[in-house]
């Protein structure tokens, strides 16, 4: 037969903790919550820069020419007087309109060959003015004579090229500068040539050059290039005129440009 159960013995020491098991897989994401209320509108940002202007649209075709208006009544004519050196012919009617012209007491005109060159300016008397040499004196002359000097040749107007030329010659002398080439020129009986001022150079362009303001064309035979004037800008720089565009500019005196002499009469 089984005997009575013996008394319980003392509890043994706790065994070591086992190693942690591997981490389980992440659970699935929960459902997305409902959207929160919209916040207040932010302040308006600064205005951006204006974009470039678009190109102009094409010009539309011209409309038809309207009918010609009725001819007005004929003029009544009348007495007309003119000042000295001005003539007026005609009666002031459609059949005989007034024609106003200037008489030439000395028989001179711009574009005319005269006293060794070509007239490019006449004063109010019609008997005095300026003459351009018929051809260029150089195609590549420097303004200075090797050194930068303040010659004080600042004249830029009518008949001031002579003053400028005298100042240049007095200050720097020499024989190869644009001014010296003009000063040493003799054509026929005339040896009083000089380098024109910037205004005189522009008159040559306008009246007997490519400017064609009088309808004479380039009777002076000027090149489509730059010509030196006698007008100084400052110690290192002087003015020139462009006979392609009629513009004037300034350049270092050591540069070489065309040269055309002038004289007064």
C-alpha atoms as a PDB file:
ATOM      1  CA  UNK A   1       0.000   0.000   0.000  1.00  0.00           C
ATOM      2  CA  UNK A   2       1.122   3.638  -0.714  1.00  0.00           C
ATOM      3  CA  UNK A   3       2.452   5.332   2.248  1.00  0.00           C
ATOM      4  CA  UNK A   4       1.584   8.946   3.236  1.00  0.00           C
ATOM      5  CA  UNK A   5       2.972  11.783   1.128  1.00  0.00           C
ATOM      6  CA  UNK A   6       6.107  13.263   2.429  1.00  0.00           C
ATOM      7  CA  UNK A   7       6.535  16.953   3.219  1.00  0.00           C
ATOM      8  CA  UNK A   8       7.244  19.360   0.320  1.00  0.00           C
ATOM      9  CA  UNK A   9      10.861  20.203  -0.042  1.00  0.00           C
ATOM     10  CA  UNK A  10      12.189  23.763  -0.387  1.00  0.00           C
ATOM     11  CA  UNK A  11      11.739  25.495  -3.782  1.00  0.00           C
ATOM     12  CA  UNK A  12      14.748  25.410  -6.079  1.00  0.00           C
ATOM     13  CA  UNK A  13      16.434  28.469  -7.533  1.00  0.00           C
ATOM     14  CA  UNK A  14      14.835  30.143 -10.539  1.00  0.00           C
ATOM     15  CA  UNK A  15      16.358  29.102 -13.795  1.00  0.00           C
ATOM     16  CA  UNK A  16      17.911  31.528 -16.318  1.00  0.00           C
ATOM     17  CA  UNK A  17      15.612  33.624 -18.560  1.00  0.00           C
ATOM     18  CA  UNK A  18      15.419  32.259 -22.042  1.00  0.00           C
ATOM     19  CA  UNK A  19      16.404  34.255 -25.127  1.00  0.00           C
ATOM     20  CA  UNK A  20      13.838  36.778 -26.483  1.00  0.00           C
ATOM     21  CA  UNK A  21      11.925  35.522 -29.434  1.00  0.00           C
ATOM     22  CA  UNK A  22      12.063  37.267 -32.842  1.00  0.00           C
ATOM     23  CA  UNK A  23       9.887  40.381 -33.383  1.00  0.00           C
ATOM     24  CA  UNK A  24       6.594  39.736 -35.021  1.00  0.00           C
ATOM     25  CA  UNK A  25       5.571  41.309 -38.339  1.00  0.00           C
ATOM     26  CA  UNK A  26       4.173  44.901 -38.244  1.00  0.00           C
ATOM     27  CA  UNK A  27       0.445  45.113 -38.060  1.00  0.00           C
ATOM     28  CA  UNK A  28      -1.586  46.657 -40.873  1.00  0.00           C
ATOM     29  CA  UNK A  29      -2.101  50.453 -40.909  1.00  0.00           C
ATOM     30  CA  UNK A  30      -5.171  51.746 -39.266  1.00  0.00           C
ATOM     31  CA  UNK A  31      -7.876  53.533 -41.225  1.00  0.00           C
ATOM     32  CA  UNK A  32      -7.209  57.237 -42.288  1.00  0.00           C
ATOM     33  CA  UNK A  33      -8.948  59.669 -40.022  1.00  0.00           C
ATOM     34  CA  UNK A  34     -11.382  62.274 -41.335  1.00  0.00           C
ATOM     35  CA  UNK A  35      -9.898  65.555 -42.789  1.00  0.00           C
ATOM     36  CA  UNK A  36      -9.553  68.402 -40.330  1.00  0.00           C
ATOM     37  CA  UNK A  37     -11.206  71.802 -40.939  1.00  0.00           C
ATOM     38  CA  UNK A  38      -9.549  74.203 -43.524  1.00  0.00           C
ATOM     39  CA  UNK A  39      -7.286  76.805 -41.947  1.00  0.00           C
ATOM     40  CA  UNK A  40      -7.640  80.581 -42.629  1.00  0.00           C
ATOM     41  CA  UNK A  41      -6.263  81.966 -45.999  1.00  0.00           C
ATOM     42  CA  UNK A  42      -2.697  83.212 -45.879  1.00  0.00           C
ATOM     43  CA  UNK A  43      -1.641  86.775 -46.801  1.00  0.00           C
ATOM     44  CA  UNK A  44      -1.272  87.638 -50.549  1.00  0.00           C
ATOM     45  CA  UNK A  45       2.326  87.360 -51.762  1.00  0.00           C
ATOM     46  CA  UNK A  46       4.227  90.195 -53.499  1.00  0.00           C
ATOM     47  CA  UNK A  47       3.348  90.855 -57.146  1.00  0.00           C
ATOM     48  CA  UNK A  48       5.749  89.354 -59.669  1.00  0.00           C
ATOM     49  CA  UNK A  49       7.624  91.472 -62.273  1.00  0.00           C
ATOM     50  CA  UNK A  50       5.756  92.456 -65.393  1.00  0.00           C
ATOM     51  CA  UNK A  51       6.313  90.228 -68.405  1.00  0.00           C
ATOM     52  CA  UNK A  52       7.790  91.464 -71.689  1.00  0.00           C
ATOM     53  CA  UNK A  53       5.533  93.301 -74.110  1.00  0.00           C
ATOM     54  CA  UNK A  54       4.369  91.117 -76.954  1.00  0.00           C
ATOM     55  CA  UNK A  55       5.279  91.915 -80.550  1.00  0.00           C
ATOM     56  CA  UNK A  56       3.014  94.177 -82.551  1.00  0.00           C
ATOM     57  CA  UNK A  57       0.484  92.510 -84.750  1.00  0.00           C
ATOM     58  CA  UNK A  58       0.757  92.676 -88.505  1.00  0.00           C
ATOM     59  CA  UNK A  59      -0.387  95.916 -90.185  1.00  0.00           C
ATOM     60  CA  UNK A  60      -3.689  95.540 -91.934  1.00  0.00           C
ATOM     61  CA  UNK A  61      -4.048  96.192 -95.618  1.00  0.00           C
ATOM     62  CA  UNK A  62      -4.704  99.767 -96.702  1.00  0.00           C
ATOM     63  CA  UNK A  63      -8.305 100.706 -97.320  1.00  0.00           C
ATOM     64  CA  UNK A  64      -9.452 101.848-100.745  1.00  0.00           C
ATOM     65  CA  UNK A  65      -8.664 105.415-101.790  1.00  0.00           C
ATOM     66  CA  UNK A  66     -11.591 107.739-101.363  1.00  0.00           C
ATOM     67  CA  UNK A  67     -12.991 109.756-104.256  1.00  0.00           C
ATOM     68  CA  UNK A  68     -11.213 112.964-105.206  1.00  0.00           C
ATOM     69  CA  UNK A  69     -12.776 116.102-103.798  1.00  0.00           C
ATOM     70  CA  UNK A  70     -14.119 118.888-105.933  1.00  0.00           C
ATOM     71  CA  UNK A  71     -11.654 121.465-107.253  1.00  0.00           C
ATOM     72  CA  UNK A  72     -11.684 124.646-105.217  1.00  0.00           C
ATOM     73  CA  UNK A  73     -12.286 128.052-106.713  1.00  0.00           C
ATOM     74  CA  UNK A  74      -9.432 129.726-108.555  1.00  0.00           C
ATOM     75  CA  UNK A  75      -7.290 132.166-106.623  1.00  0.00           C
ATOM     76  CA  UNK A  76      -7.800 135.867-107.065  1.00  0.00           C
ATOM     77  CA  UNK A  77      -4.160 136.806-107.594  1.00  0.00           C
ATOM     78  CA  UNK A  78      -2.916 140.015-106.113  1.00  0.00           C
ATOM     79  CA  UNK A  79       0.134 142.113-105.512  1.00  0.00           C
ATOM     80  CA  UNK A  80       3.178 140.329-104.135  1.00  0.00           C
ATOM     81  CA  UNK A  81       6.462 141.911-103.109  1.00  0.00           C
ATOM     82  CA  UNK A  82       9.757 140.206-102.295  1.00  0.00           C
ATOM     83  CA  UNK A  83      12.976 141.204-100.639  1.00  0.00           C
ATOM     84  CA  UNK A  84      16.330 141.819-102.251  1.00  0.00           C
ATOM     85  CA  UNK A  85      17.608 138.854-104.212  1.00  0.00           C
ATOM     86  CA  UNK A  86      14.150 137.183-104.394  1.00  0.00           C
ATOM     87  CA  UNK A  87      11.967 137.000-107.487  1.00  0.00           C
ATOM     88  CA  UNK A  88       8.279 136.041-107.687  1.00  0.00           C
ATOM     89  CA  UNK A  89       6.506 135.167-110.928  1.00  0.00           C
ATOM     90  CA  UNK A  90       2.949 134.031-111.635  1.00  0.00           C
ATOM     91  CA  UNK A  91      -0.487 135.378-110.701  1.00  0.00           C
ATOM     92  CA  UNK A  92      -1.390 133.008-107.893  1.00  0.00           C
ATOM     93  CA  UNK A  93      -4.042 131.069-109.827  1.00  0.00           C
ATOM     94  CA  UNK A  94      -4.309 127.377-110.684  1.00  0.00           C
ATOM     95  CA  UNK A  95      -3.272 128.150-114.237  1.00  0.00           C
ATOM     96  CA  UNK A  96      -0.436 130.459-113.177  1.00  0.00           C
ATOM     97  CA  UNK A  97       0.787 129.668-109.639  1.00  0.00           C
ATOM     98  CA  UNK A  98       3.320 131.766-107.802  1.00  0.00           C
ATOM     99  CA  UNK A  99       6.937 130.671-108.296  1.00  0.00           C
ATOM    100  CA  UNK A 100       9.444 132.061-105.811  1.00  0.00           C
ATOM    101  CA  UNK A 101      13.175 131.838-106.524  1.00  0.00           C
ATOM    102  CA  UNK A 102      16.376 133.394-105.304  1.00  0.00           C
ATOM    103  CA  UNK A 103      18.443 135.379-107.722  1.00  0.00           C
ATOM    104  CA  UNK A 104      22.200 134.876-107.674  1.00  0.00           C
ATOM    105  CA  UNK A 105      23.995 138.211-107.990  1.00  0.00           C
ATOM    106  CA  UNK A 106      27.395 136.507-108.181  1.00  0.00           C
ATOM    107  CA  UNK A 107      26.246 133.567-110.301  1.00  0.00           C
ATOM    108  CA  UNK A 108      27.409 131.027-107.702  1.00  0.00           C
ATOM    109  CA  UNK A 109      25.658 127.904-106.397  1.00  0.00           C
ATOM    110  CA  UNK A 110      26.371 125.022-104.056  1.00  0.00           C
ATOM    111  CA  UNK A 111      27.898 122.082-105.916  1.00  0.00           C
ATOM    112  CA  UNK A 112      29.621 124.364-108.417  1.00  0.00           C
ATOM    113  CA  UNK A 113      33.330 123.954-109.170  1.00  0.00           C
ATOM    114  CA  UNK A 114      35.037 127.166-108.143  1.00  0.00           C
ATOM    115  CA  UNK A 115      38.481 128.410-107.044  1.00  0.00           C
ATOM    116  CA  UNK A 116      40.137 125.011-106.842  1.00  0.00           C
ATOM    117  CA  UNK A 117      37.298 122.965-105.369  1.00  0.00           C
ATOM    118  CA  UNK A 118      33.538 122.532-104.915  1.00  0.00           C
ATOM    119  CA  UNK A 119      31.299 125.111-103.205  1.00  0.00           C
ATOM    120  CA  UNK A 120      29.459 123.528-100.281  1.00  0.00           C
ATOM    121  CA  UNK A 121      28.259 126.636 -98.424  1.00  0.00           C
ATOM    122  CA  UNK A 122      27.154 130.151 -99.459  1.00  0.00           C
ATOM    123  CA  UNK A 123      26.327 132.991 -97.083  1.00  0.00           C
ATOM    124  CA  UNK A 124      23.292 135.277 -97.447  1.00  0.00           C
ATOM    125  CA  UNK A 125      25.049 137.449-100.036  1.00  0.00           C
ATOM    126  CA  UNK A 126      25.532 134.463-102.335  1.00  0.00           C
ATOM    127  CA  UNK A 127      29.050 135.724-103.038  1.00  0.00           C
ATOM    128  CA  UNK A 128      31.056 134.200-100.173  1.00  0.00           C
ATOM    129  CA  UNK A 129      31.236 130.799 -98.552  1.00  0.00           C
ATOM    130  CA  UNK A 130      33.260 127.610 -98.226  1.00  0.00           C
ATOM    131  CA  UNK A 131      34.891 125.320-100.758  1.00  0.00           C
ATOM    132  CA  UNK A 132      35.820 121.645-100.382  1.00  0.00           C
ATOM    133  CA  UNK A 133      38.895 120.217-102.068  1.00  0.00           C
ATOM    134  CA  UNK A 134      37.712 118.070-105.014  1.00  0.00           C
ATOM    135  CA  UNK A 135      39.288 114.854-103.677  1.00  0.00           C
ATOM    136  CA  UNK A 136      40.528 113.390-100.381  1.00  0.00           C
ATOM    137  CA  UNK A 137      43.967 114.434 -99.161  1.00  0.00           C
ATOM    138  CA  UNK A 138      44.505 111.187 -97.229  1.00  0.00           C
ATOM    139  CA  UNK A 139      42.740 107.909 -96.533  1.00  0.00           C
ATOM    140  CA  UNK A 140      44.678 107.127 -93.327  1.00  0.00           C
ATOM    141  CA  UNK A 141      46.056 110.098 -91.389  1.00  0.00           C
ATOM    142  CA  UNK A 142      46.309 110.469 -87.615  1.00  0.00           C
ATOM    143  CA  UNK A 143      45.006 113.614 -85.913  1.00  0.00           C
ATOM    144  CA  UNK A 144      48.048 114.079 -83.709  1.00  0.00           C
ATOM    145  CA  UNK A 145      51.721 114.411 -84.632  1.00  0.00           C
ATOM    146  CA  UNK A 146      53.026 111.676 -82.323  1.00  0.00           C
ATOM    147  CA  UNK A 147      52.287 113.238 -78.931  1.00  0.00           C
ATOM    148  CA  UNK A 148      49.076 113.941 -77.045  1.00  0.00           C
ATOM    149  CA  UNK A 149      48.817 117.705 -76.549  1.00  0.00           C
ATOM    150  CA  UNK A 150      45.975 120.020 -75.585  1.00  0.00           C
ATOM    151  CA  UNK A 151      45.996 122.294 -78.645  1.00  0.00           C
ATOM    152  CA  UNK A 152      42.872 124.199 -77.505  1.00  0.00           C
ATOM    153  CA  UNK A 153      41.356 123.775 -80.978  1.00  0.00           C
ATOM    154  CA  UNK A 154      37.819 123.713 -79.581  1.00  0.00           C
ATOM    155  CA  UNK A 155      36.013 125.623 -82.367  1.00  0.00           C
ATOM    156  CA  UNK A 156      33.061 123.620 -83.674  1.00  0.00           C
ATOM    157  CA  UNK A 157      31.049 126.094 -85.777  1.00  0.00           C
ATOM    158  CA  UNK A 158      31.057 127.805 -89.145  1.00  0.00           C
ATOM    159  CA  UNK A 159      34.424 129.250 -90.275  1.00  0.00           C
ATOM    160  CA  UNK A 160      36.060 127.954 -87.067  1.00  0.00           C
ATOM    161  CA  UNK A 161      38.108 125.251 -88.776  1.00  0.00           C
ATOM    162  CA  UNK A 162      40.693 127.877 -89.771  1.00  0.00           C
ATOM    163  CA  UNK A 163      41.138 128.944 -86.141  1.00  0.00           C
ATOM    164  CA  UNK A 164      41.428 125.313 -85.049  1.00  0.00           C
ATOM    165  CA  UNK A 165      44.013 124.551 -87.723  1.00  0.00           C
ATOM    166  CA  UNK A 166      46.155 127.512 -86.701  1.00  0.00           C
ATOM    167  CA  UNK A 167      46.029 126.382 -83.049  1.00  0.00           C
ATOM    168  CA  UNK A 168      46.944 122.789 -83.969  1.00  0.00           C
ATOM    169  CA  UNK A 169      49.883 123.870 -86.118  1.00  0.00           C
ATOM    170  CA  UNK A 170      51.129 126.268 -83.435  1.00  0.00           C
ATOM    171  CA  UNK A 171      50.875 123.620 -80.698  1.00  0.00           C
ATOM    172  CA  UNK A 172      52.176 120.474 -82.360  1.00  0.00           C
ATOM    173  CA  UNK A 173      53.574 121.406 -85.791  1.00  0.00           C
ATOM    174  CA  UNK A 174      54.682 118.548 -88.013  1.00  0.00           C
ATOM    175  CA  UNK A 175      53.855 117.487 -91.556  1.00  0.00           C
ATOM    176  CA  UNK A 176      51.987 114.170 -91.270  1.00  0.00           C
ATOM    177  CA  UNK A 177      48.949 115.008 -89.125  1.00  0.00           C
ATOM    178  CA  UNK A 178      45.512 115.579 -90.673  1.00  0.00           C
ATOM    179  CA  UNK A 179      45.814 119.342 -90.149  1.00  0.00           C
ATOM    180  CA  UNK A 180      49.345 119.551 -91.552  1.00  0.00           C
ATOM    181  CA  UNK A 181      48.337 117.668 -94.712  1.00  0.00           C
ATOM    182  CA  UNK A 182      45.604 120.276 -95.347  1.00  0.00           C
ATOM    183  CA  UNK A 183      47.835 123.218 -94.436  1.00  0.00           C
ATOM    184  CA  UNK A 184      50.503 122.109 -96.929  1.00  0.00           C
ATOM    185  CA  UNK A 185      48.011 121.655 -99.771  1.00  0.00           C
ATOM    186  CA  UNK A 186      48.137 123.806-102.915  1.00  0.00           C
ATOM    187  CA  UNK A 187      45.561 123.485-105.714  1.00  0.00           C
ATOM    188  CA  UNK A 188      46.093 125.870-108.618  1.00  0.00           C
ATOM    189  CA  UNK A 189      46.561 129.342-107.186  1.00  0.00           C
ATOM    190  CA  UNK A 190      45.141 128.454-103.783  1.00  0.00           C
ATOM    191  CA  UNK A 191      47.204 127.402-100.754  1.00  0.00           C
ATOM    192  CA  UNK A 192      44.974 128.591 -97.882  1.00  0.00           C
ATOM    193  CA  UNK A 193      43.385 125.192 -97.183  1.00  0.00           C
ATOM    194  CA  UNK A 194      42.660 123.953 -93.675  1.00  0.00           C
ATOM    195  CA  UNK A 195      41.090 121.008 -91.774  1.00  0.00           C
ATOM    196  CA  UNK A 196      37.323 121.723 -91.350  1.00  0.00           C
ATOM    197  CA  UNK A 197      35.539 122.047 -88.015  1.00  0.00           C
ATOM    198  CA  UNK A 198      32.980 119.357 -87.125  1.00  0.00           C
ATOM    199  CA  UNK A 199      30.110 121.646 -88.264  1.00  0.00           C
ATOM    200  CA  UNK A 200      31.809 122.446 -91.570  1.00  0.00           C
ATOM    201  CA  UNK A 201      32.400 118.734 -92.090  1.00  0.00           C
ATOM    202  CA  UNK A 202      28.698 118.062 -91.535  1.00  0.00           C
ATOM    203  CA  UNK A 203      27.781 120.765 -94.096  1.00  0.00           C
ATOM    204  CA  UNK A 204      29.968 118.955 -96.630  1.00  0.00           C
ATOM    205  CA  UNK A 205      28.138 115.696 -95.864  1.00  0.00           C
ATOM    206  CA  UNK A 206      24.704 117.344 -96.112  1.00  0.00           C
ATOM    207  CA  UNK A 207      25.191 119.541 -99.201  1.00  0.00           C
ATOM    208  CA  UNK A 208      27.670 117.792-101.499  1.00  0.00           C
ATOM    209  CA  UNK A 209      28.001 114.374 -99.864  1.00  0.00           C
ATOM    210  CA  UNK A 210      25.885 111.349 -99.039  1.00  0.00           C
ATOM    211  CA  UNK A 211      23.436 113.464 -96.996  1.00  0.00           C
ATOM    212  CA  UNK A 212      21.964 114.770-100.288  1.00  0.00           C
ATOM    213  CA  UNK A 213      19.883 117.444 -98.539  1.00  0.00           C
ATOM    214  CA  UNK A 214      19.895 119.600-101.697  1.00  0.00           C
ATOM    215  CA  UNK A 215      19.340 116.746-104.139  1.00  0.00           C
ATOM    216  CA  UNK A 216      22.836 117.053-105.639  1.00  0.00           C
ATOM    217  CA  UNK A 217      24.019 113.611-104.588  1.00  0.00           C
ATOM    218  CA  UNK A 218      27.595 112.858-103.565  1.00  0.00           C
ATOM    219  CA  UNK A 219      29.166 115.367-105.982  1.00  0.00           C
ATOM    220  CA  UNK A 220      32.094 115.732-103.587  1.00  0.00           C
ATOM    221  CA  UNK A 221      33.049 112.085-104.102  1.00  0.00           C
ATOM    222  CA  UNK A 222      33.311 111.317-100.381  1.00  0.00           C
ATOM    223  CA  UNK A 223      34.118 107.780 -99.205  1.00  0.00           C
ATOM    224  CA  UNK A 224      31.702 105.816 -97.035  1.00  0.00           C
ATOM    225  CA  UNK A 225      34.051 106.206 -94.106  1.00  0.00           C
ATOM    226  CA  UNK A 226      35.139 108.448 -91.221  1.00  0.00           C
ATOM    227  CA  UNK A 227      36.703 111.885 -91.762  1.00  0.00           C
ATOM    228  CA  UNK A 228      38.721 113.838 -89.217  1.00  0.00           C
ATOM    229  CA  UNK A 229      37.560 117.312 -88.177  1.00  0.00           C
ATOM    230  CA  UNK A 230      39.833 119.924 -86.619  1.00  0.00           C
ATOM    231  CA  UNK A 231      37.621 120.146 -83.508  1.00  0.00           C
ATOM    232  CA  UNK A 232      39.443 118.838 -80.440  1.00  0.00           C
ATOM    233  CA  UNK A 233      37.505 117.172 -77.622  1.00  0.00           C
ATOM    234  CA  UNK A 234      40.307 117.063 -75.081  1.00  0.00           C
ATOM    235  CA  UNK A 235      44.014 116.195 -74.909  1.00  0.00           C
ATOM    236  CA  UNK A 236      43.755 112.649 -76.288  1.00  0.00           C
ATOM    237  CA  UNK A 237      40.533 112.815 -78.310  1.00  0.00           C
ATOM    238  CA  UNK A 238      39.103 114.704 -81.309  1.00  0.00           C
ATOM    239  CA  UNK A 239      35.844 114.683 -83.292  1.00  0.00           C
ATOM    240  CA  UNK A 240      35.217 112.853 -86.571  1.00  0.00           C
ATOM    241  CA  UNK A 241      32.218 112.623 -88.935  1.00  0.00           C
ATOM    242  CA  UNK A 242      30.830 109.413 -90.467  1.00  0.00           C
ATOM    243  CA  UNK A 243      29.911 109.887 -94.133  1.00  0.00           C
ATOM    244  CA  UNK A 244      27.743 106.762 -94.236  1.00  0.00           C
ATOM    245  CA  UNK A 245      25.240 107.794 -91.543  1.00  0.00           C
ATOM    246  CA  UNK A 246      25.849 111.506 -90.951  1.00  0.00           C
ATOM    247  CA  UNK A 247      26.664 110.905 -87.271  1.00  0.00           C
ATOM    248  CA  UNK A 248      29.583 112.473 -85.413  1.00  0.00           C
ATOM    249  CA  UNK A 249      31.801 110.782 -82.858  1.00  0.00           C
ATOM    250  CA  UNK A 250      34.990 111.117 -80.825  1.00  0.00           C
ATOM    251  CA  UNK A 251      38.126 109.013 -81.095  1.00  0.00           C
ATOM    252  CA  UNK A 252      41.737 108.824 -79.921  1.00  0.00           C
ATOM    253  CA  UNK A 253      43.966 111.151 -81.929  1.00  0.00           C
ATOM    254  CA  UNK A 254      46.334 108.341 -82.903  1.00  0.00           C
ATOM    255  CA  UNK A 255      43.674 106.618 -85.043  1.00  0.00           C
ATOM    256  CA  UNK A 256      43.852 107.088 -88.818  1.00  0.00           C
ATOM    257  CA  UNK A 257      40.857 108.393 -90.794  1.00  0.00           C
ATOM    258  CA  UNK A 258      40.140 110.130 -94.099  1.00  0.00           C
ATOM    259  CA  UNK A 259      41.047 113.821 -94.575  1.00  0.00           C
ATOM    260  CA  UNK A 260      39.363 116.451 -96.802  1.00  0.00           C
ATOM    261  CA  UNK A 261      40.588 120.066 -96.849  1.00  0.00           C
ATOM    262  CA  UNK A 262      38.440 123.209 -97.159  1.00  0.00           C
ATOM    263  CA  UNK A 263      38.982 126.926 -97.750  1.00  0.00           C
ATOM    264  CA  UNK A 264      36.863 130.056 -97.479  1.00  0.00           C
ATOM    265  CA  UNK A 265      36.325 132.693-100.176  1.00  0.00           C
END
